[in-house]
């Protein structure tokens, strides 16, 4: 069994500043409609998903740019647990690497959001 991991830590104020400066353009470039709906404007939730997208790109062995922000989606289930879903190029990269199972963990404090991603062959 092959494991690939990625982790990312971000200062929440950086996401807040990007939203303040770029508004809907930033939100629509980085987050799917479902992510935006599920976060309901909570900056800490958006920041955690931003970190998860970075962590997922690291686990895939590429960066954002090789895959689109929208190719990596963090969905919440009915119990509010996060799930990683890949689309487009992200899904293709995972397929080429033989990655079939994904796990994501999100957390935040007052100032920081962190995400840890595990991908399994």
PDB file of N, CA and C in Angstrom:
ATOM      1  N   UNK A   1       0.855  -1.175   0.000  1.00  0.00           N
ATOM      2  CA  UNK A   1       0.000   0.000   0.000  1.00  0.00           C
ATOM      3  C   UNK A   1       0.900   1.236   0.000  1.00  0.00           C
ATOM      4  N   UNK A   2       0.581   2.169  -0.862  1.00  0.00           N
ATOM      5  CA  UNK A   2       1.330   3.407  -0.977  1.00  0.00           C
ATOM      6  C   UNK A   2       0.481   4.553  -0.438  1.00  0.00           C
ATOM      7  N   UNK A   3       1.055   5.332   0.489  1.00  0.00           N
ATOM      8  CA  UNK A   3       0.376   6.505   1.039  1.00  0.00           C
ATOM      9  C   UNK A   3       1.041   7.764   0.522  1.00  0.00           C
ATOM     10  N   UNK A   4       0.241   8.751   0.198  1.00  0.00           N
ATOM     11  CA  UNK A   4       0.751  10.074  -0.163  1.00  0.00           C
ATOM     12  C   UNK A   4       0.063  11.068   0.759  1.00  0.00           C
ATOM     13  N   UNK A   5       0.839  11.977   1.330  1.00  0.00           N
ATOM     14  CA  UNK A   5       0.278  12.931   2.283  1.00  0.00           C
ATOM     15  C   UNK A   5       0.594  14.363   1.867  1.00  0.00           C
ATOM     16  N   UNK A   6      -0.211  15.264   2.351  1.00  0.00           N
ATOM     17  CA  UNK A   6       0.014  16.690   2.169  1.00  0.00           C
ATOM     18  C   UNK A   6      -0.566  17.433   3.358  1.00  0.00           C
ATOM     19  N   UNK A   7       0.101  18.491   3.759  1.00  0.00           N
ATOM     20  CA  UNK A   7      -0.381  19.318   4.867  1.00  0.00           C
ATOM     21  C   UNK A   7      -0.197  20.781   4.486  1.00  0.00           C
ATOM     22  N   UNK A   8      -1.094  21.628   4.957  1.00  0.00           N
ATOM     23  CA  UNK A   8      -0.957  23.058   4.712  1.00  0.00           C
ATOM     24  C   UNK A   8      -1.550  23.828   5.886  1.00  0.00           C
ATOM     25  N   UNK A   9      -0.873  24.904   6.231  1.00  0.00           N
ATOM     26  CA  UNK A   9      -1.280  25.806   7.306  1.00  0.00           C
ATOM     27  C   UNK A   9      -1.384  27.204   6.712  1.00  0.00           C
ATOM     28  N   UNK A  10      -2.462  27.905   6.996  1.00  0.00           N
ATOM     29  CA  UNK A  10      -2.643  29.255   6.460  1.00  0.00           C
ATOM     30  C   UNK A  10      -3.158  30.182   7.552  1.00  0.00           C
ATOM     31  N   UNK A  11      -2.739  31.428   7.470  1.00  0.00           N
ATOM     32  CA  UNK A  11      -3.286  32.453   8.356  1.00  0.00           C
ATOM     33  C   UNK A  11      -4.656  32.856   7.812  1.00  0.00           C
ATOM     34  N   UNK A  12      -5.659  32.783   8.652  1.00  0.00           N
ATOM     35  CA  UNK A  12      -7.031  33.045   8.222  1.00  0.00           C
ATOM     36  C   UNK A  12      -7.177  34.452   7.649  1.00  0.00           C
ATOM     37  N   UNK A  13      -6.458  35.414   8.201  1.00  0.00           N
ATOM     38  CA  UNK A  13      -6.595  36.792   7.718  1.00  0.00           C
ATOM     39  C   UNK A  13      -6.192  36.933   6.251  1.00  0.00           C
ATOM     40  N   UNK A  14      -5.333  36.043   5.748  1.00  0.00           N
ATOM     41  CA  UNK A  14      -4.942  36.115   4.332  1.00  0.00           C
ATOM     42  C   UNK A  14      -6.129  35.817   3.414  1.00  0.00           C
ATOM     43  N   UNK A  15      -6.941  34.846   3.793  1.00  0.00           N
ATOM     44  CA  UNK A  15      -8.136  34.528   3.003  1.00  0.00           C
ATOM     45  C   UNK A  15      -9.147  35.665   3.129  1.00  0.00           C
ATOM     46  N   UNK A  16      -9.304  36.194   4.340  1.00  0.00           N
ATOM     47  CA  UNK A  16     -10.223  37.323   4.543  1.00  0.00           C
ATOM     48  C   UNK A  16      -9.808  38.517   3.685  1.00  0.00           C
ATOM     49  N   UNK A  17      -8.514  38.797   3.626  1.00  0.00           N
ATOM     50  CA  UNK A  17      -8.024  39.918   2.816  1.00  0.00           C
ATOM     51  C   UNK A  17      -8.259  39.679   1.326  1.00  0.00           C
ATOM     52  N   UNK A  18      -8.059  38.446   0.874  1.00  0.00           N
ATOM     53  CA  UNK A  18      -8.295  38.129  -0.541  1.00  0.00           C
ATOM     54  C   UNK A  18      -9.766  38.316  -0.894  1.00  0.00           C
ATOM     55  N   UNK A  19     -10.645  37.908  -0.002  1.00  0.00           N
ATOM     56  CA  UNK A  19     -12.084  38.080  -0.240  1.00  0.00           C
ATOM     57  C   UNK A  19     -12.439  39.562  -0.230  1.00  0.00           C
ATOM     58  N   UNK A  20     -11.873  40.303   0.723  1.00  0.00           N
ATOM     59  CA  UNK A  20     -12.152  41.735   0.807  1.00  0.00           C
ATOM     60  C   UNK A  20     -11.650  42.466  -0.440  1.00  0.00           C
ATOM     61  N   UNK A  21     -10.482  42.084  -0.919  1.00  0.00           N
ATOM     62  CA  UNK A  21      -9.885  42.763  -2.066  1.00  0.00           C
ATOM     63  C   UNK A  21     -10.511  42.346  -3.396  1.00  0.00           C
ATOM     64  N   UNK A  22     -10.804  41.038  -3.558  1.00  0.00           N
ATOM     65  CA  UNK A  22     -11.241  40.527  -4.860  1.00  0.00           C
ATOM     66  C   UNK A  22     -12.687  40.029  -4.886  1.00  0.00           C
ATOM     67  N   UNK A  23     -13.315  39.887  -3.741  1.00  0.00           N
ATOM     68  CA  UNK A  23     -14.724  39.522  -3.650  1.00  0.00           C
ATOM     69  C   UNK A  23     -15.091  38.237  -4.369  1.00  0.00           C
ATOM     70  N   UNK A  24     -16.187  38.320  -5.129  1.00  0.00           N
ATOM     71  CA  UNK A  24     -16.731  37.149  -5.826  1.00  0.00           C
ATOM     72  C   UNK A  24     -15.733  36.531  -6.799  1.00  0.00           C
ATOM     73  N   UNK A  25     -14.889  37.362  -7.393  1.00  0.00           N
ATOM     74  CA  UNK A  25     -13.902  36.839  -8.346  1.00  0.00           C
ATOM     75  C   UNK A  25     -12.985  35.823  -7.658  1.00  0.00           C
ATOM     76  N   UNK A  26     -12.511  36.158  -6.465  1.00  0.00           N
ATOM     77  CA  UNK A  26     -11.672  35.228  -5.703  1.00  0.00           C
ATOM     78  C   UNK A  26     -12.474  33.993  -5.303  1.00  0.00           C
ATOM     79  N   UNK A  27     -13.638  34.198  -4.735  1.00  0.00           N
ATOM     80  CA  UNK A  27     -14.458  33.071  -4.274  1.00  0.00           C
ATOM     81  C   UNK A  27     -14.761  32.102  -5.409  1.00  0.00           C
ATOM     82  N   UNK A  28     -15.143  32.617  -6.567  1.00  0.00           N
ATOM     83  CA  UNK A  28     -15.509  31.752  -7.690  1.00  0.00           C
ATOM     84  C   UNK A  28     -14.306  31.104  -8.362  1.00  0.00           C
ATOM     85  N   UNK A  29     -13.127  31.679  -8.208  1.00  0.00           N
ATOM     86  CA  UNK A  29     -11.914  31.091  -8.780  1.00  0.00           C
ATOM     87  C   UNK A  29     -11.382  29.958  -7.905  1.00  0.00           C
ATOM     88  N   UNK A  30     -11.606  30.056  -6.591  1.00  0.00           N
ATOM     89  CA  UNK A  30     -11.004  29.107  -5.653  1.00  0.00           C
ATOM     90  C   UNK A  30     -11.992  28.065  -5.141  1.00  0.00           C
ATOM     91  N   UNK A  31     -13.237  28.439  -4.938  1.00  0.00           N
ATOM     92  CA  UNK A  31     -14.212  27.557  -4.293  1.00  0.00           C
ATOM     93  C   UNK A  31     -15.379  27.236  -5.222  1.00  0.00           C
ATOM     94  N   UNK A  32     -15.803  25.963  -5.201  1.00  0.00           N
ATOM     95  CA  UNK A  32     -16.983  25.578  -5.965  1.00  0.00           C
ATOM     96  C   UNK A  32     -18.221  26.215  -5.332  1.00  0.00           C
ATOM     97  N   UNK A  33     -19.296  26.227  -6.080  1.00  0.00           N
ATOM     98  CA  UNK A  33     -20.557  26.768  -5.545  1.00  0.00           C
ATOM     99  C   UNK A  33     -20.976  26.007  -4.287  1.00  0.00           C
ATOM    100  N   UNK A  34     -20.809  24.673  -4.312  1.00  0.00           N
ATOM    101  CA  UNK A  34     -21.180  23.874  -3.146  1.00  0.00           C
ATOM    102  C   UNK A  34     -20.333  24.251  -1.934  1.00  0.00           C
ATOM    103  N   UNK A  35     -19.037  24.418  -2.122  1.00  0.00           N
ATOM    104  CA  UNK A  35     -18.174  24.819  -1.004  1.00  0.00           C
ATOM    105  C   UNK A  35     -18.617  26.168  -0.439  1.00  0.00           C
ATOM    106  N   UNK A  36     -18.914  27.099  -1.320  1.00  0.00           N
ATOM    107  CA  UNK A  36     -19.361  28.414  -0.859  1.00  0.00           C
ATOM    108  C   UNK A  36     -20.673  28.305  -0.084  1.00  0.00           C
ATOM    109  N   UNK A  37     -21.593  27.485  -0.579  1.00  0.00           N
ATOM    110  CA  UNK A  37     -22.875  27.298   0.106  1.00  0.00           C
ATOM    111  C   UNK A  37     -22.675  26.651   1.470  1.00  0.00           C
ATOM    112  N   UNK A  38     -21.833  25.615   1.528  1.00  0.00           N
ATOM    113  CA  UNK A  38     -21.645  24.899   2.785  1.00  0.00           C
ATOM    114  C   UNK A  38     -20.893  25.738   3.820  1.00  0.00           C
ATOM    115  N   UNK A  39     -20.024  26.633   3.379  1.00  0.00           N
ATOM    116  CA  UNK A  39     -19.280  27.488   4.315  1.00  0.00           C
ATOM    117  C   UNK A  39     -20.103  28.681   4.788  1.00  0.00           C
ATOM    118  N   UNK A  40     -21.107  29.066   4.035  1.00  0.00           N
ATOM    119  CA  UNK A  40     -22.009  30.170   4.389  1.00  0.00           C
ATOM    120  C   UNK A  40     -21.262  31.430   4.851  1.00  0.00           C
ATOM    121  N   UNK A  41     -20.162  31.751   4.147  1.00  0.00           N
ATOM    122  CA  UNK A  41     -19.433  32.975   4.447  1.00  0.00           C
ATOM    123  C   UNK A  41     -18.517  32.924   5.653  1.00  0.00           C
ATOM    124  N   UNK A  42     -18.433  31.779   6.315  1.00  0.00           N
ATOM    125  CA  UNK A  42     -17.539  31.659   7.485  1.00  0.00           C
ATOM    126  C   UNK A  42     -16.093  31.620   6.986  1.00  0.00           C
ATOM    127  N   UNK A  43     -15.352  32.661   7.273  1.00  0.00           N
ATOM    128  CA  UNK A  43     -13.989  32.800   6.766  1.00  0.00           C
ATOM    129  C   UNK A  43     -13.107  31.652   7.233  1.00  0.00           C
ATOM    130  N   UNK A  44     -13.248  31.227   8.479  1.00  0.00           N
ATOM    131  CA  UNK A  44     -12.404  30.130   8.982  1.00  0.00           C
ATOM    132  C   UNK A  44     -12.670  28.828   8.224  1.00  0.00           C
ATOM    133  N   UNK A  45     -13.909  28.599   7.818  1.00  0.00           N
ATOM    134  CA  UNK A  45     -14.241  27.401   7.038  1.00  0.00           C
ATOM    135  C   UNK A  45     -13.674  27.494   5.628  1.00  0.00           C
ATOM    136  N   UNK A  46     -13.760  28.668   5.030  1.00  0.00           N
ATOM    137  CA  UNK A  46     -13.171  28.861   3.705  1.00  0.00           C
ATOM    138  C   UNK A  46     -11.654  28.709   3.766  1.00  0.00           C
ATOM    139  N   UNK A  47     -11.030  29.255   4.807  1.00  0.00           N
ATOM    140  CA  UNK A  47      -9.575  29.146   4.953  1.00  0.00           C
ATOM    141  C   UNK A  47      -9.151  27.689   5.120  1.00  0.00           C
ATOM    142  N   UNK A  48      -9.909  26.912   5.885  1.00  0.00           N
ATOM    143  CA  UNK A  48      -9.581  25.493   6.063  1.00  0.00           C
ATOM    144  C   UNK A  48      -9.686  24.752   4.731  1.00  0.00           C
ATOM    145  N   UNK A  49     -10.677  25.076   3.933  1.00  0.00           N
ATOM    146  CA  UNK A  49     -10.814  24.445   2.613  1.00  0.00           C
ATOM    147  C   UNK A  49      -9.702  24.896   1.666  1.00  0.00           C
ATOM    148  N   UNK A  50      -9.296  26.151   1.766  1.00  0.00           N
ATOM    149  CA  UNK A  50      -8.159  26.633   0.984  1.00  0.00           C
ATOM    150  C   UNK A  50      -6.920  25.808   1.334  1.00  0.00           C
ATOM    151  N   UNK A  51      -6.677  25.623   2.629  1.00  0.00           N
ATOM    152  CA  UNK A  51      -5.534  24.816   3.073  1.00  0.00           C
ATOM    153  C   UNK A  51      -5.662  23.378   2.582  1.00  0.00           C
ATOM    154  N   UNK A  52      -6.869  22.832   2.583  1.00  0.00           N
ATOM    155  CA  UNK A  52      -7.081  21.455   2.125  1.00  0.00           C
ATOM    156  C   UNK A  52      -6.762  21.307   0.645  1.00  0.00           C
ATOM    157  N   UNK A  53      -7.101  22.305  -0.143  1.00  0.00           N
ATOM    158  CA  UNK A  53      -6.795  22.257  -1.576  1.00  0.00           C
ATOM    159  C   UNK A  53      -5.285  22.274  -1.789  1.00  0.00           C
ATOM    160  N   UNK A  54      -4.567  23.106  -1.032  1.00  0.00           N
ATOM    161  CA  UNK A  54      -3.102  23.134  -1.107  1.00  0.00           C
ATOM    162  C   UNK A  54      -2.521  21.790  -0.670  1.00  0.00           C
ATOM    163  N   UNK A  55      -3.043  21.242   0.427  1.00  0.00           N
ATOM    164  CA  UNK A  55      -2.553  19.958   0.934  1.00  0.00           C
ATOM    165  C   UNK A  55      -2.813  18.837  -0.069  1.00  0.00           C
ATOM    166  N   UNK A  56      -3.976  18.854  -0.710  1.00  0.00           N
ATOM    167  CA  UNK A  56      -4.296  17.830  -1.707  1.00  0.00           C
ATOM    168  C   UNK A  56      -3.351  17.922  -2.899  1.00  0.00           C
ATOM    169  N   UNK A  57      -3.065  19.137  -3.352  1.00  0.00           N
ATOM    170  CA  UNK A  57      -2.132  19.313  -4.471  1.00  0.00           C
ATOM    171  C   UNK A  57      -0.752  18.774  -4.099  1.00  0.00           C
ATOM    172  N   UNK A  58      -0.337  18.994  -2.859  1.00  0.00           N
ATOM    173  CA  UNK A  58       0.950  18.460  -2.393  1.00  0.00           C
ATOM    174  C   UNK A  58       0.924  16.936  -2.384  1.00  0.00           C
ATOM    175  N   UNK A  59      -0.171  16.349  -1.915  1.00  0.00           N
ATOM    176  CA  UNK A  59      -0.282  14.888  -1.886  1.00  0.00           C
ATOM    177  C   UNK A  59      -0.262  14.310  -3.301  1.00  0.00           C
ATOM    178  N   UNK A  60      -0.792  15.051  -4.255  1.00  0.00           N
ATOM    179  CA  UNK A  60      -0.772  14.610  -5.653  1.00  0.00           C
ATOM    180  C   UNK A  60       0.610  14.774  -6.276  1.00  0.00           C
ATOM    181  N   UNK A  61       1.485  15.487  -5.585  1.00  0.00           N
ATOM    182  CA  UNK A  61       2.843  15.675  -6.088  1.00  0.00           C
ATOM    183  C   UNK A  61       2.969  16.799  -7.092  1.00  0.00           C
ATOM    184  N   UNK A  62       1.984  17.659  -7.119  1.00  0.00           N
ATOM    185  CA  UNK A  62       2.020  18.812  -8.019  1.00  0.00           C
ATOM    186  C   UNK A  62       1.615  20.024  -7.196  1.00  0.00           C
ATOM    187  N   UNK A  63       1.428  21.107  -7.833  1.00  0.00           N
ATOM    188  CA  UNK A  63       0.973  22.291  -7.123  1.00  0.00           C
ATOM    189  C   UNK A  63      -0.287  22.817  -7.747  1.00  0.00           C
ATOM    190  N   UNK A  64      -0.858  23.804  -7.076  1.00  0.00           N
ATOM    191  CA  UNK A  64      -1.968  24.516  -7.687  1.00  0.00           C
ATOM    192  C   UNK A  64      -1.366  25.216  -8.898  1.00  0.00           C
ATOM    193  N   UNK A  65      -1.977  25.060  -9.999  1.00  0.00           N
ATOM    194  CA  UNK A  65      -1.413  25.499 -11.276  1.00  0.00           C
ATOM    195  C   UNK A  65      -1.356  24.291 -12.190  1.00  0.00           C
ATOM    196  N   UNK A  66      -0.859  23.163 -11.639  1.00  0.00           N
ATOM    197  CA  UNK A  66      -0.923  21.901 -12.377  1.00  0.00           C
ATOM    198  C   UNK A  66      -2.340  21.340 -12.316  1.00  0.00           C
ATOM    199  N   UNK A  67      -3.017  21.618 -11.219  1.00  0.00           N
ATOM    200  CA  UNK A  67      -4.447  21.320 -11.095  1.00  0.00           C
ATOM    201  C   UNK A  67      -5.135  22.630 -10.719  1.00  0.00           C
ATOM    202  N   UNK A  68      -6.370  22.763 -11.094  1.00  0.00           N
ATOM    203  CA  UNK A  68      -7.132  23.975 -10.799  1.00  0.00           C
ATOM    204  C   UNK A  68      -7.660  23.918  -9.369  1.00  0.00           C
ATOM    205  N   UNK A  69      -7.856  25.097  -8.786  1.00  0.00           N
ATOM    206  CA  UNK A  69      -8.497  25.156  -7.468  1.00  0.00           C
ATOM    207  C   UNK A  69      -9.826  24.402  -7.494  1.00  0.00           C
ATOM    208  N   UNK A  70     -10.558  24.529  -8.593  1.00  0.00           N
ATOM    209  CA  UNK A  70     -11.885  23.924  -8.673  1.00  0.00           C
ATOM    210  C   UNK A  70     -11.829  22.427  -8.963  1.00  0.00           C
ATOM    211  N   UNK A  71     -10.648  21.901  -9.308  1.00  0.00           N
ATOM    212  CA  UNK A  71     -10.476  20.454  -9.487  1.00  0.00           C
ATOM    213  C   UNK A  71     -10.440  19.729  -8.147  1.00  0.00           C
ATOM    214  N   UNK A  72     -10.252  20.475  -7.073  1.00  0.00           N
ATOM    215  CA  UNK A  72     -10.184  19.908  -5.722  1.00  0.00           C
ATOM    216  C   UNK A  72     -11.345  20.499  -4.934  1.00  0.00           C
ATOM    217  N   UNK A  73     -12.246  19.638  -4.495  1.00  0.00           N
ATOM    218  CA  UNK A  73     -13.440  20.098  -3.787  1.00  0.00           C
ATOM    219  C   UNK A  73     -13.518  19.428  -2.425  1.00  0.00           C
ATOM    220  N   UNK A  74     -13.849  20.222  -1.417  1.00  0.00           N
ATOM    221  CA  UNK A  74     -14.054  19.694  -0.067  1.00  0.00           C
ATOM    222  C   UNK A  74     -15.544  19.816   0.239  1.00  0.00           C
ATOM    223  N   UNK A  75     -16.193  18.665   0.350  1.00  0.00           N
ATOM    224  CA  UNK A  75     -17.629  18.616   0.639  1.00  0.00           C
ATOM    225  C   UNK A  75     -17.841  18.182   2.080  1.00  0.00           C
ATOM    226  N   UNK A  76     -18.878  18.707   2.680  1.00  0.00           N
ATOM    227  CA  UNK A  76     -19.271  18.275   4.019  1.00  0.00           C
ATOM    228  C   UNK A  76     -20.445  17.319   3.901  1.00  0.00           C
ATOM    229  N   UNK A  77     -20.378  16.211   4.647  1.00  0.00           N
ATOM    230  CA  UNK A  77     -21.512  15.290   4.640  1.00  0.00           C
ATOM    231  C   UNK A  77     -22.560  15.760   5.648  1.00  0.00           C
ATOM    232  N   UNK A  78     -23.597  14.960   5.842  1.00  0.00           N
ATOM    233  CA  UNK A  78     -24.695  15.351   6.730  1.00  0.00           C
ATOM    234  C   UNK A  78     -24.252  15.515   8.182  1.00  0.00           C
ATOM    235  N   UNK A  79     -23.116  14.906   8.547  1.00  0.00           N
ATOM    236  CA  UNK A  79     -22.571  15.047   9.902  1.00  0.00           C
ATOM    237  C   UNK A  79     -21.503  16.144   9.958  1.00  0.00           C
ATOM    238  N   UNK A  80     -21.356  16.887   8.872  1.00  0.00           N
ATOM    239  CA  UNK A  80     -20.387  17.986   8.732  1.00  0.00           C
ATOM    240  C   UNK A  80     -18.942  17.515   8.602  1.00  0.00           C
ATOM    241  N   UNK A  81     -18.731  16.219   8.381  1.00  0.00           N
ATOM    242  CA  UNK A  81     -17.378  15.695   8.165  1.00  0.00           C
ATOM    243  C   UNK A  81     -16.925  16.057   6.753  1.00  0.00           C
ATOM    244  N   UNK A  82     -15.669  16.488   6.598  1.00  0.00           N
ATOM    245  CA  UNK A  82     -15.187  16.863   5.269  1.00  0.00           C
ATOM    246  C   UNK A  82     -14.795  15.648   4.434  1.00  0.00           C
ATOM    247  N   UNK A  83     -15.022  15.752   3.132  1.00  0.00           N
ATOM    248  CA  UNK A  83     -14.634  14.711   2.180  1.00  0.00           C
ATOM    249  C   UNK A  83     -13.983  15.379   0.979  1.00  0.00           C
ATOM    250  N   UNK A  84     -12.910  14.774   0.490  1.00  0.00           N
ATOM    251  CA  UNK A  84     -12.177  15.284  -0.656  1.00  0.00           C
ATOM    252  C   UNK A  84     -12.712  14.639  -1.928  1.00  0.00           C
ATOM    253  N   UNK A  85     -13.078  15.468  -2.892  1.00  0.00           N
ATOM    254  CA  UNK A  85     -13.559  15.001  -4.192  1.00  0.00           C
ATOM    255  C   UNK A  85     -12.708  15.678  -5.260  1.00  0.00           C
ATOM    256  N   UNK A  86     -12.185  14.869  -6.190  1.00  0.00           N
ATOM    257  CA  UNK A  86     -11.364  15.410  -7.269  1.00  0.00           C
ATOM    258  C   UNK A  86     -12.149  15.442  -8.571  1.00  0.00           C
ATOM    259  N   UNK A  87     -11.902  16.473  -9.356  1.00  0.00           N
ATOM    260  CA  UNK A  87     -12.523  16.643 -10.663  1.00  0.00           C
ATOM    261  C   UNK A  87     -11.425  16.924 -11.682  1.00  0.00           C
ATOM    262  N   UNK A  88     -11.756  16.829 -12.949  1.00  0.00           N
ATOM    263  CA  UNK A  88     -10.871  17.274 -14.020  1.00  0.00           C
ATOM    264  C   UNK A  88      -9.452  16.752 -13.906  1.00  0.00           C
ATOM    265  N   UNK A  89      -8.487  17.667 -14.001  1.00  0.00           N
ATOM    266  CA  UNK A  89      -7.070  17.298 -13.967  1.00  0.00           C
ATOM    267  C   UNK A  89      -6.680  16.642 -12.640  1.00  0.00           C
ATOM    268  N   UNK A  90      -7.275  17.068 -11.538  1.00  0.00           N
ATOM    269  CA  UNK A  90      -6.988  16.439 -10.249  1.00  0.00           C
ATOM    270  C   UNK A  90      -7.354  14.966 -10.249  1.00  0.00           C
ATOM    271  N   UNK A  91      -8.507  14.657 -10.798  1.00  0.00           N
ATOM    272  CA  UNK A  91      -8.957  13.273 -10.908  1.00  0.00           C
ATOM    273  C   UNK A  91      -8.040  12.479 -11.834  1.00  0.00           C
ATOM    274  N   UNK A  92      -7.598  13.097 -12.921  1.00  0.00           N
ATOM    275  CA  UNK A  92      -6.704  12.421 -13.867  1.00  0.00           C
ATOM    276  C   UNK A  92      -5.343  12.132 -13.242  1.00  0.00           C
ATOM    277  N   UNK A  93      -4.775  13.098 -12.523  1.00  0.00           N
ATOM    278  CA  UNK A  93      -3.483  12.885 -11.855  1.00  0.00           C
ATOM    279  C   UNK A  93      -3.604  11.751 -10.843  1.00  0.00           C
ATOM    280  N   UNK A  94      -4.659  11.769 -10.039  1.00  0.00           N
ATOM    281  CA  UNK A  94      -4.865  10.700  -9.052  1.00  0.00           C
ATOM    282  C   UNK A  94      -4.986   9.349  -9.742  1.00  0.00           C
ATOM    283  N   UNK A  95      -5.694   9.301 -10.858  1.00  0.00           N
ATOM    284  CA  UNK A  95      -5.841   8.057 -11.613  1.00  0.00           C
ATOM    285  C   UNK A  95      -4.514   7.537 -12.126  1.00  0.00           C
ATOM    286  N   UNK A  96      -3.684   8.436 -12.670  1.00  0.00           N
ATOM    287  CA  UNK A  96      -2.361   8.022 -13.164  1.00  0.00           C
ATOM    288  C   UNK A  96      -1.480   7.484 -12.040  1.00  0.00           C
ATOM    289  N   UNK A  97      -1.663   8.017 -10.837  1.00  0.00           N
ATOM    290  CA  UNK A  97      -0.877   7.568  -9.682  1.00  0.00           C
ATOM    291  C   UNK A  97      -1.494   6.347  -8.998  1.00  0.00           C
ATOM    292  N   UNK A  98      -2.670   5.932  -9.446  1.00  0.00           N
ATOM    293  CA  UNK A  98      -3.346   4.782  -8.850  1.00  0.00           C
ATOM    294  C   UNK A  98      -3.971   5.079  -7.499  1.00  0.00           C
ATOM    295  N   UNK A  99      -4.258   6.341  -7.227  1.00  0.00           N
ATOM    296  CA  UNK A  99      -4.841   6.740  -5.941  1.00  0.00           C
ATOM    297  C   UNK A  99      -6.355   6.599  -6.001  1.00  0.00           C
ATOM    298  N   UNK A 100      -6.899   5.860  -5.059  1.00  0.00           N
ATOM    299  CA  UNK A 100      -8.328   5.540  -5.092  1.00  0.00           C
ATOM    300  C   UNK A 100      -9.101   6.015  -3.864  1.00  0.00           C
ATOM    301  N   UNK A 101      -8.404   6.234  -2.760  1.00  0.00           N
ATOM    302  CA  UNK A 101      -9.072   6.590  -1.513  1.00  0.00           C
ATOM    303  C   UNK A 101      -8.431   7.854  -0.945  1.00  0.00           C
ATOM    304  N   UNK A 102      -9.273   8.782  -0.483  1.00  0.00           N
ATOM    305  CA  UNK A 102      -8.790  10.063   0.026  1.00  0.00           C
ATOM    306  C   UNK A 102      -9.390  10.336   1.401  1.00  0.00           C
ATOM    307  N   UNK A 103      -8.585  10.944   2.252  1.00  0.00           N
ATOM    308  CA  UNK A 103      -9.060  11.360   3.564  1.00  0.00           C
ATOM    309  C   UNK A 103      -8.539  12.765   3.830  1.00  0.00           C
ATOM    310  N   UNK A 104      -9.373  13.589   4.442  1.00  0.00           N
ATOM    311  CA  UNK A 104      -8.970  14.965   4.746  1.00  0.00           C
ATOM    312  C   UNK A 104      -9.415  15.317   6.159  1.00  0.00           C
ATOM    313  N   UNK A 105      -8.548  16.025   6.860  1.00  0.00           N
ATOM    314  CA  UNK A 105      -8.859  16.519   8.196  1.00  0.00           C
ATOM    315  C   UNK A 105      -8.621  18.022   8.210  1.00  0.00           C
ATOM    316  N   UNK A 106      -9.581  18.765   8.751  1.00  0.00           N
ATOM    317  CA  UNK A 106      -9.512  20.226   8.807  1.00  0.00           C
ATOM    318  C   UNK A 106      -9.598  20.689  10.252  1.00  0.00           C
ATOM    319  N   UNK A 107      -8.905  21.777  10.551  1.00  0.00           N
ATOM    320  CA  UNK A 107      -9.030  22.389  11.866  1.00  0.00           C
ATOM    321  C   UNK A 107      -8.652  23.856  11.758  1.00  0.00           C
ATOM    322  N   UNK A 108      -9.089  24.631  12.742  1.00  0.00           N
ATOM    323  CA  UNK A 108      -8.694  26.038  12.773  1.00  0.00           C
ATOM    324  C   UNK A 108      -8.694  26.544  14.204  1.00  0.00           C
ATOM    325  N   UNK A 109      -7.871  27.548  14.422  1.00  0.00           N
ATOM    326  CA  UNK A 109      -7.868  28.292  15.671  1.00  0.00           C
ATOM    327  C   UNK A 109      -8.381  29.688  15.335  1.00  0.00           C
ATOM    328  N   UNK A 110      -8.184  30.614  16.209  1.00  0.00           N
ATOM    329  CA  UNK A 110      -8.616  31.983  15.932  1.00  0.00           C
ATOM    330  C   UNK A 110      -7.869  32.570  14.740  1.00  0.00           C
ATOM    331  N   UNK A 111      -6.579  32.228  14.615  1.00  0.00           N
ATOM    332  CA  UNK A 111      -5.724  32.865  13.613  1.00  0.00           C
ATOM    333  C   UNK A 111      -5.316  31.986  12.439  1.00  0.00           C
ATOM    334  N   UNK A 112      -5.361  30.670  12.605  1.00  0.00           N
ATOM    335  CA  UNK A 112      -4.826  29.764  11.590  1.00  0.00           C
ATOM    336  C   UNK A 112      -5.821  28.660  11.235  1.00  0.00           C
ATOM    337  N   UNK A 113      -5.699  28.188  10.000  1.00  0.00           N
ATOM    338  CA  UNK A 113      -6.440  27.000   9.555  1.00  0.00           C
ATOM    339  C   UNK A 113      -5.411  26.004   9.037  1.00  0.00           C
ATOM    340  N   UNK A 114      -5.669  24.726   9.285  1.00  0.00           N
ATOM    341  CA  UNK A 114      -4.757  23.670   8.859  1.00  0.00           C
ATOM    342  C   UNK A 114      -5.556  22.543   8.222  1.00  0.00           C
ATOM    343  N   UNK A 115      -4.926  21.872   7.278  1.00  0.00           N
ATOM    344  CA  UNK A 115      -5.547  20.707   6.642  1.00  0.00           C
ATOM    345  C   UNK A 115      -4.481  19.648   6.428  1.00  0.00           C
ATOM    346  N   UNK A 116      -4.890  18.402   6.598  1.00  0.00           N
ATOM    347  CA  UNK A 116      -4.023  17.254   6.367  1.00  0.00           C
ATOM    348  C   UNK A 116      -4.770  16.310   5.438  1.00  0.00           C
ATOM    349  N   UNK A 117      -4.096  15.894   4.365  1.00  0.00           N
ATOM    350  CA  UNK A 117      -4.709  15.014   3.362  1.00  0.00           C
ATOM    351  C   UNK A 117      -3.889  13.738   3.244  1.00  0.00           C
ATOM    352  N   UNK A 118      -4.585  12.600   3.189  1.00  0.00           N
ATOM    353  CA  UNK A 118      -3.958  11.306   2.933  1.00  0.00           C
ATOM    354  C   UNK A 118      -4.632  10.713   1.707  1.00  0.00           C
ATOM    355  N   UNK A 119      -3.810  10.239   0.779  1.00  0.00           N
ATOM    356  CA  UNK A 119      -4.305   9.559  -0.420  1.00  0.00           C
ATOM    357  C   UNK A 119      -3.682   8.174  -0.454  1.00  0.00           C
ATOM    358  N   UNK A 120      -4.501   7.163  -0.745  1.00  0.00           N
ATOM    359  CA  UNK A 120      -4.069   5.770  -0.684  1.00  0.00           C
ATOM    360  C   UNK A 120      -4.240   5.114  -2.043  1.00  0.00           C
ATOM    361  N   UNK A 121      -3.245   4.314  -2.405  1.00  0.00           N
ATOM    362  CA  UNK A 121      -3.267   3.546  -3.647  1.00  0.00           C
ATOM    363  C   UNK A 121      -4.278   2.428  -3.549  1.00  0.00           C
TER     364      UNK A 121
END
